[in-house]
């Protein structure tokens, strides 16, 4: 019997001895491990630690964040997928969960078969920006400039397979543009490349782009989300800029290994919804440029599936592969 099947069988057998509802009432009885498949200090890690602190205070046991980095988040995600489905291992991650299976030839997890979604906690928008030297003040003008200068322009993203990269590829493919992708190791380096003029077009987190735009070092043409960004509410959405259907947001979600008791999923969903909407959390998330989402586990599952399908089609069309 495979290890994961054994763990699920054991959890089911335990449920026969005591109803899951009664079992979940005492949860947690020991520390809970939260795997974050990215390094410390980034938006995902900070959001995870805010959630972990809130759960620790509310449930009386330590929720401990562990950064397990590598392979564009695949290593930490695979560890979480193989953990016992008992509520004592959680995963807090971003869109890469549903993007990477299409990007890599092989990953050691299935985002839909190996995880139970708990909640989509927060989202973040990407800026579509240019260096001030680029002779375009709107997205439409930028398309015209690129078409008039094939091969001259490049765009920076936060890295291969990130939402900012896929948004850039969606822009390139949709309008059949000769523009080159230059991946960087996060929104910060991508913004730096943009303000230096080295990579004159930038797709990166709006929270990182907004201060540079205010300083006149970047010109933000649009925000790639359905709603205006809290970091720059005066910047038009991509739809308002004349290009509906090109939206895409980053998000931070909480999940558990598939087979985790439903009562535990419901308990965590309830508390996290309350944690992210406290005045203190709202203020901290706003400072990070993160917008509160919350909601049900079912809504998160639907979002995951829709987004996975959307980006899989783009990745295939654009022939994007991890190197």
Protein backbone atom coordinates (compact mmCIF):
# COMPACT_ATOMS: atom_id res chain seq x y z
CA UNK A 1 0.00 0.00 0.00
CA UNK A 2 1.36 3.43 -0.95
CA UNK A 3 2.26 5.70 1.93
CA UNK A 4 -0.43 8.27 1.09
CA UNK A 5 -3.10 5.56 0.77
CA UNK A 6 -1.99 4.13 4.12
CA UNK A 7 -2.26 7.54 5.77
CA UNK A 8 -5.75 8.05 4.39
CA UNK A 9 -6.78 4.55 5.49
CA UNK A 10 -5.40 5.20 8.96
CA UNK A 11 -7.28 8.51 9.20
CA UNK A 12 -10.48 6.80 8.11
CA UNK A 13 -9.97 4.02 10.64
CA UNK A 14 -9.45 6.56 13.39
CA UNK A 15 -12.71 8.16 12.36
CA UNK A 16 -14.52 4.87 13.00
CA UNK A 17 -13.36 4.87 16.60
CA UNK A 18 -14.55 8.44 17.25
CA UNK A 19 -16.81 10.65 15.14
CA UNK A 20 -14.85 13.28 13.26
CA UNK A 21 -16.98 16.07 14.66
CA UNK A 22 -16.11 15.09 18.22
CA UNK A 23 -12.46 14.65 17.25
CA UNK A 24 -12.33 18.08 15.63
CA UNK A 25 -13.74 19.78 18.73
CA UNK A 26 -10.41 19.19 20.48
CA UNK A 27 -8.32 20.32 17.51
CA UNK A 28 -5.52 21.16 17.71
CA UNK A 29 -3.92 19.20 20.53
CA UNK A 30 -0.35 19.84 19.37
CA UNK A 31 1.56 22.33 17.18
CA UNK A 32 0.50 22.71 13.54
CA UNK A 33 3.09 23.02 10.78
CA UNK A 34 2.43 25.57 8.02
CA UNK A 35 4.58 25.03 4.93
CA UNK A 36 5.35 28.12 2.87
CA UNK A 37 7.19 27.10 -0.32
CA UNK A 38 8.94 30.47 -0.64
CA UNK A 39 11.64 32.27 1.30
CA UNK A 40 11.03 34.48 4.33
CA UNK A 41 10.13 38.14 3.99
CA UNK A 42 8.00 38.04 0.84
CA UNK A 43 4.25 38.74 0.70
CA UNK A 44 3.34 35.04 0.95
CA UNK A 45 5.53 34.52 4.00
CA UNK A 46 4.31 37.69 5.71
CA UNK A 47 0.66 36.79 5.07
CA UNK A 48 1.29 33.27 6.36
CA UNK A 49 2.83 34.57 9.58
CA UNK A 50 -0.08 36.94 10.20
CA UNK A 51 -2.51 34.05 9.75
CA UNK A 52 -0.36 31.73 11.89
CA UNK A 53 -0.22 34.27 14.71
CA UNK A 54 -3.99 34.70 14.63
CA UNK A 55 -4.63 30.95 14.68
CA UNK A 56 -2.17 30.48 17.55
CA UNK A 57 -3.95 33.12 19.62
CA UNK A 58 -7.42 31.77 18.84
CA UNK A 59 -6.86 28.02 19.07
CA UNK A 60 -4.29 27.88 21.87
CA UNK A 61 -1.62 25.86 20.03
CA UNK A 62 1.36 27.03 18.03
CA UNK A 63 0.91 27.31 14.27
CA UNK A 64 4.51 27.32 13.07
CA UNK A 65 5.56 28.62 9.63
CA UNK A 66 8.28 26.63 7.92
CA UNK A 67 9.85 27.94 4.70
CA UNK A 68 10.60 25.05 2.34
CA UNK A 69 12.01 26.67 -0.79
CA UNK A 70 13.15 25.41 -4.17
CA UNK A 71 12.06 24.53 -7.71
CA UNK A 72 9.62 27.43 -8.06
CA UNK A 73 7.72 26.27 -4.93
CA UNK A 74 7.47 22.63 -6.08
CA UNK A 75 9.57 21.19 -3.25
CA UNK A 76 7.54 22.62 -0.38
CA UNK A 77 4.26 21.94 -2.15
CA UNK A 78 5.20 18.28 -2.68
CA UNK A 79 6.08 17.94 1.01
CA UNK A 80 2.67 19.26 1.98
CA UNK A 81 0.94 16.95 -0.50
CA UNK A 82 2.55 13.89 1.10
CA UNK A 83 1.80 14.87 4.70
CA UNK A 84 -0.77 13.07 6.83
CA UNK A 85 -4.29 14.45 6.26
CA UNK A 86 -4.88 15.09 9.95
CA UNK A 87 -4.94 18.89 10.12
CA UNK A 88 -1.42 19.19 11.50
CA UNK A 89 0.20 20.18 8.21
CA UNK A 90 -1.10 23.11 6.15
CA UNK A 91 0.15 24.78 2.98
CA UNK A 92 0.05 28.52 2.32
CA UNK A 93 0.99 29.30 -1.25
CA UNK A 94 0.21 31.31 -4.38
CA UNK A 95 -0.97 30.75 -7.97
CA UNK A 96 2.07 28.59 -8.73
CA UNK A 97 0.11 25.72 -7.19
CA UNK A 98 -2.12 25.53 -10.28
CA UNK A 99 0.39 26.97 -12.78
CA UNK A 100 3.40 24.70 -12.22
CA UNK A 101 1.83 21.41 -13.36
CA UNK A 102 1.55 22.97 -16.82
CA UNK A 103 4.97 24.64 -16.66
CA UNK A 104 7.06 21.64 -15.63
CA UNK A 105 7.33 18.28 -17.36
CA UNK A 106 6.67 16.59 -14.03
CA UNK A 107 5.69 17.70 -10.53
CA UNK A 108 5.22 15.51 -7.45
CA UNK A 109 1.72 16.74 -6.66
CA UNK A 110 -1.69 17.31 -8.19
CA UNK A 111 -3.29 20.59 -7.04
CA UNK A 112 -6.80 19.13 -7.29
CA UNK A 113 -6.30 15.56 -6.07
CA UNK A 114 -3.73 16.12 -3.32
CA UNK A 115 -5.19 19.14 -1.52
CA UNK A 116 -8.36 20.27 0.21
CA UNK A 117 -8.75 24.05 -0.25
CA UNK A 118 -9.47 25.97 2.96
CA UNK A 119 -9.60 29.62 1.96
CA UNK A 120 -8.32 32.13 -0.56
CA UNK A 121 -7.07 34.68 1.95
CA UNK A 122 -5.76 37.66 0.02
CA UNK A 123 -5.02 38.77 -3.53
CA UNK A 124 -2.59 41.19 -5.13
CA UNK A 125 -2.66 42.98 -8.45
CA UNK A 126 0.09 43.43 -11.02
CA UNK A 127 1.07 46.71 -12.60
CA UNK A 128 1.53 47.10 -16.35
CA UNK A 129 4.18 49.80 -16.45
CA UNK A 130 6.81 51.34 -18.69
CA UNK A 131 9.95 53.43 -18.28
CA UNK A 132 9.22 57.17 -18.82
CA UNK A 133 11.35 57.08 -21.98
CA UNK A 134 8.86 54.77 -23.71
CA UNK A 135 6.71 56.97 -26.00
CA UNK A 136 3.37 55.52 -24.86
CA UNK A 137 0.91 56.79 -22.29
CA UNK A 138 -1.76 54.12 -22.83
CA UNK A 139 -1.78 50.39 -23.47
CA UNK A 140 -3.08 51.00 -27.00
CA UNK A 141 -0.22 53.38 -27.74
CA UNK A 142 2.30 50.87 -26.37
CA UNK A 143 1.01 48.18 -28.74
CA UNK A 144 1.49 50.58 -31.65
CA UNK A 145 5.02 51.44 -30.50
CA UNK A 146 6.03 47.77 -30.21
CA UNK A 147 4.58 46.94 -33.64
CA UNK A 148 6.51 49.82 -35.16
CA UNK A 149 9.75 48.56 -33.54
CA UNK A 150 9.69 44.72 -33.68
CA UNK A 151 12.27 43.07 -31.44
CA UNK A 152 13.36 46.33 -29.81
CA UNK A 153 11.38 46.10 -26.58
CA UNK A 154 11.49 43.64 -23.68
CA UNK A 155 9.39 43.19 -20.59
CA UNK A 156 10.41 42.26 -17.06
CA UNK A 157 8.51 39.89 -14.79
CA UNK A 158 8.92 38.60 -11.25
CA UNK A 159 10.11 35.26 -12.62
CA UNK A 160 9.30 32.34 -14.88
CA UNK A 161 5.79 31.04 -14.31
CA UNK A 162 4.74 33.83 -11.96
CA UNK A 163 1.43 35.62 -12.55
CA UNK A 164 3.32 38.66 -13.83
CA UNK A 165 5.11 36.50 -16.43
CA UNK A 166 1.87 34.90 -17.62
CA UNK A 167 0.16 38.28 -17.82
CA UNK A 168 3.02 39.51 -19.98
CA UNK A 169 2.77 36.46 -22.22
CA UNK A 170 -0.99 36.91 -22.47
CA UNK A 171 -0.35 40.46 -23.66
CA UNK A 172 2.27 39.30 -26.18
CA UNK A 173 0.28 36.37 -27.56
CA UNK A 174 -3.10 38.14 -27.70
CA UNK A 175 -1.68 40.99 -29.78
CA UNK A 176 0.96 38.95 -31.66
CA UNK A 177 3.80 41.20 -30.54
CA UNK A 178 7.54 40.80 -31.04
CA UNK A 179 8.59 41.55 -27.46
CA UNK A 180 11.09 39.59 -25.33
CA UNK A 181 10.48 38.28 -21.81
CA UNK A 182 13.22 38.85 -19.20
CA UNK A 183 12.52 37.00 -15.91
CA UNK A 184 13.83 38.35 -12.60
CA UNK A 185 13.88 36.93 -9.08
CA UNK A 186 10.88 38.81 -7.73
CA UNK A 187 8.95 42.02 -8.22
CA UNK A 188 11.71 44.13 -6.64
CA UNK A 189 14.41 43.22 -9.18
CA UNK A 190 11.90 43.50 -12.03
CA UNK A 191 10.98 47.02 -10.93
CA UNK A 192 14.68 47.91 -10.63
CA UNK A 193 15.25 46.77 -14.21
CA UNK A 194 12.29 48.87 -15.30
CA UNK A 195 13.32 52.10 -13.62
CA UNK A 196 16.88 51.73 -14.97
CA UNK A 197 15.47 51.41 -18.49
CA UNK A 198 17.26 48.11 -19.00
CA UNK A 199 13.92 46.36 -19.44
CA UNK A 200 11.55 49.19 -20.36
CA UNK A 201 8.25 47.34 -19.92
CA UNK A 202 7.36 45.82 -16.54
CA UNK A 203 4.73 43.44 -15.20
CA UNK A 204 5.16 43.28 -11.42
CA UNK A 205 3.31 43.65 -8.13
CA UNK A 206 1.40 46.93 -7.99
CA UNK A 207 2.55 47.47 -4.41
CA UNK A 208 6.17 47.54 -5.65
CA UNK A 209 5.43 49.69 -8.70
CA UNK A 210 3.25 52.35 -7.05
CA UNK A 211 6.03 54.18 -5.12
CA UNK A 212 8.22 54.32 -8.24
CA UNK A 213 5.33 55.67 -10.27
CA UNK A 214 4.70 58.36 -7.66
CA UNK A 215 8.38 59.32 -7.92
CA UNK A 216 8.13 59.60 -11.70
CA UNK A 217 10.45 56.66 -12.31
CA UNK A 218 7.78 54.50 -13.94
CA UNK A 219 4.57 55.17 -15.84
CA UNK A 220 1.82 52.71 -14.90
CA UNK A 221 -0.51 52.20 -17.86
CA UNK A 222 -2.97 49.83 -16.18
CA UNK A 223 -3.51 47.46 -13.30
CA UNK A 224 -4.10 43.85 -14.36
CA UNK A 225 -7.10 43.16 -12.15
CA UNK A 226 -10.87 43.45 -12.24
CA UNK A 227 -10.91 46.12 -9.56
CA UNK A 228 -8.63 49.13 -9.03
CA UNK A 229 -5.61 48.49 -6.81
CA UNK A 230 -5.62 49.76 -3.24
CA UNK A 231 -1.97 50.74 -3.82
CA UNK A 232 -2.91 53.07 -6.71
CA UNK A 233 -6.68 53.57 -6.91
CA UNK A 234 -6.41 56.18 -9.71
CA UNK A 235 -4.74 53.78 -12.17
CA UNK A 236 -7.26 52.28 -14.64
CA UNK A 237 -7.88 48.55 -14.76
CA UNK A 238 -6.84 46.77 -17.94
CA UNK A 239 -10.53 46.54 -18.91
CA UNK A 240 -11.02 50.27 -18.38
CA UNK A 241 -7.91 50.80 -20.52
CA UNK A 242 -9.76 49.09 -23.36
CA UNK A 243 -8.68 45.46 -23.02
CA UNK A 244 -11.22 43.39 -21.08
CA UNK A 245 -10.53 39.70 -20.57
CA UNK A 246 -6.81 40.19 -19.88
CA UNK A 247 -7.19 40.37 -16.10
CA UNK A 248 -5.27 38.18 -13.71
CA UNK A 249 -4.41 38.48 -10.03
CA UNK A 250 -1.95 36.88 -7.70
CA UNK A 251 -3.37 35.29 -4.57
CA UNK A 252 -2.36 33.68 -1.30
CA UNK A 253 -4.39 30.62 -0.33
CA UNK A 254 -4.47 28.11 2.52
CA UNK A 255 -4.83 24.37 1.88
CA UNK A 256 -4.53 21.03 3.66
CA UNK A 257 -3.61 17.54 2.41
CA UNK A 258 -6.55 15.82 0.74
CA UNK A 259 -8.63 13.84 3.22
CA UNK A 260 -8.27 16.26 6.12
CA UNK A 261 -11.46 16.07 8.25
CA UNK A 262 -14.16 18.41 6.95
CA UNK A 263 -14.75 19.75 10.45
CA UNK A 264 -11.13 20.89 10.65
CA UNK A 265 -11.39 22.55 7.23
CA UNK A 266 -14.55 24.36 8.37
CA UNK A 267 -12.98 25.41 11.68
CA UNK A 268 -9.88 26.84 9.99
CA UNK A 269 -11.95 28.58 7.33
CA UNK A 270 -14.07 30.26 9.99
CA UNK A 271 -11.12 31.50 12.03
CA UNK A 272 -9.03 32.66 9.06
CA UNK A 273 -12.00 34.60 7.66
CA UNK A 274 -12.20 36.38 11.01
CA UNK A 275 -8.44 36.89 11.32
CA UNK A 276 -7.97 38.56 7.92
CA UNK A 277 -10.82 41.00 8.53
CA UNK A 278 -9.67 42.40 11.87
CA UNK A 279 -8.69 46.09 11.76
CA UNK A 280 -5.07 45.17 12.55
CA UNK A 281 -4.89 42.65 9.69
CA UNK A 282 -6.55 45.02 7.25
CA UNK A 283 -3.95 47.67 8.03
CA UNK A 284 -1.01 45.27 7.69
CA UNK A 285 -2.29 43.73 4.46
CA UNK A 286 -2.92 47.20 3.00
CA UNK A 287 0.69 48.15 3.75
CA UNK A 288 1.78 45.10 1.74
CA UNK A 289 -0.53 45.93 -1.15
CA UNK A 290 -2.64 42.84 -0.44
CA UNK A 291 -6.43 42.90 -0.82
CA UNK A 292 -8.56 40.78 1.52
CA UNK A 293 -10.66 38.10 -0.17
CA UNK A 294 -11.83 35.40 2.25
CA UNK A 295 -14.96 33.34 1.62
CA UNK A 296 -15.69 29.63 1.44
CA UNK A 297 -13.50 26.65 0.70
CA UNK A 298 -15.81 25.82 -2.21
CA UNK A 299 -15.27 29.25 -3.78
CA UNK A 300 -11.51 28.80 -3.51
CA UNK A 301 -11.72 25.36 -5.17
CA UNK A 302 -13.69 26.85 -8.05
CA UNK A 303 -11.16 29.68 -8.44
CA UNK A 304 -8.28 27.21 -8.50
CA UNK A 305 -9.84 25.09 -11.23
CA UNK A 306 -10.81 28.05 -13.41
CA UNK A 307 -7.39 29.63 -13.11
CA UNK A 308 -5.54 26.37 -13.70
CA UNK A 309 -7.47 25.80 -16.93
CA UNK A 310 -6.94 29.39 -18.08
CA UNK A 311 -3.18 29.43 -17.59
CA UNK A 312 -2.72 25.89 -18.95
CA UNK A 313 -4.17 27.03 -22.28
CA UNK A 314 -1.87 30.06 -22.39
CA UNK A 315 1.20 28.03 -21.43
CA UNK A 316 0.46 25.58 -24.23
CA UNK A 317 -0.24 28.30 -26.79
CA UNK A 318 2.88 30.28 -25.89
CA UNK A 319 4.98 27.10 -25.49
CA UNK A 320 6.24 28.20 -22.06
CA UNK A 321 8.37 25.65 -20.23
CA UNK A 322 10.46 25.82 -17.11
CA UNK A 323 14.16 25.56 -17.85
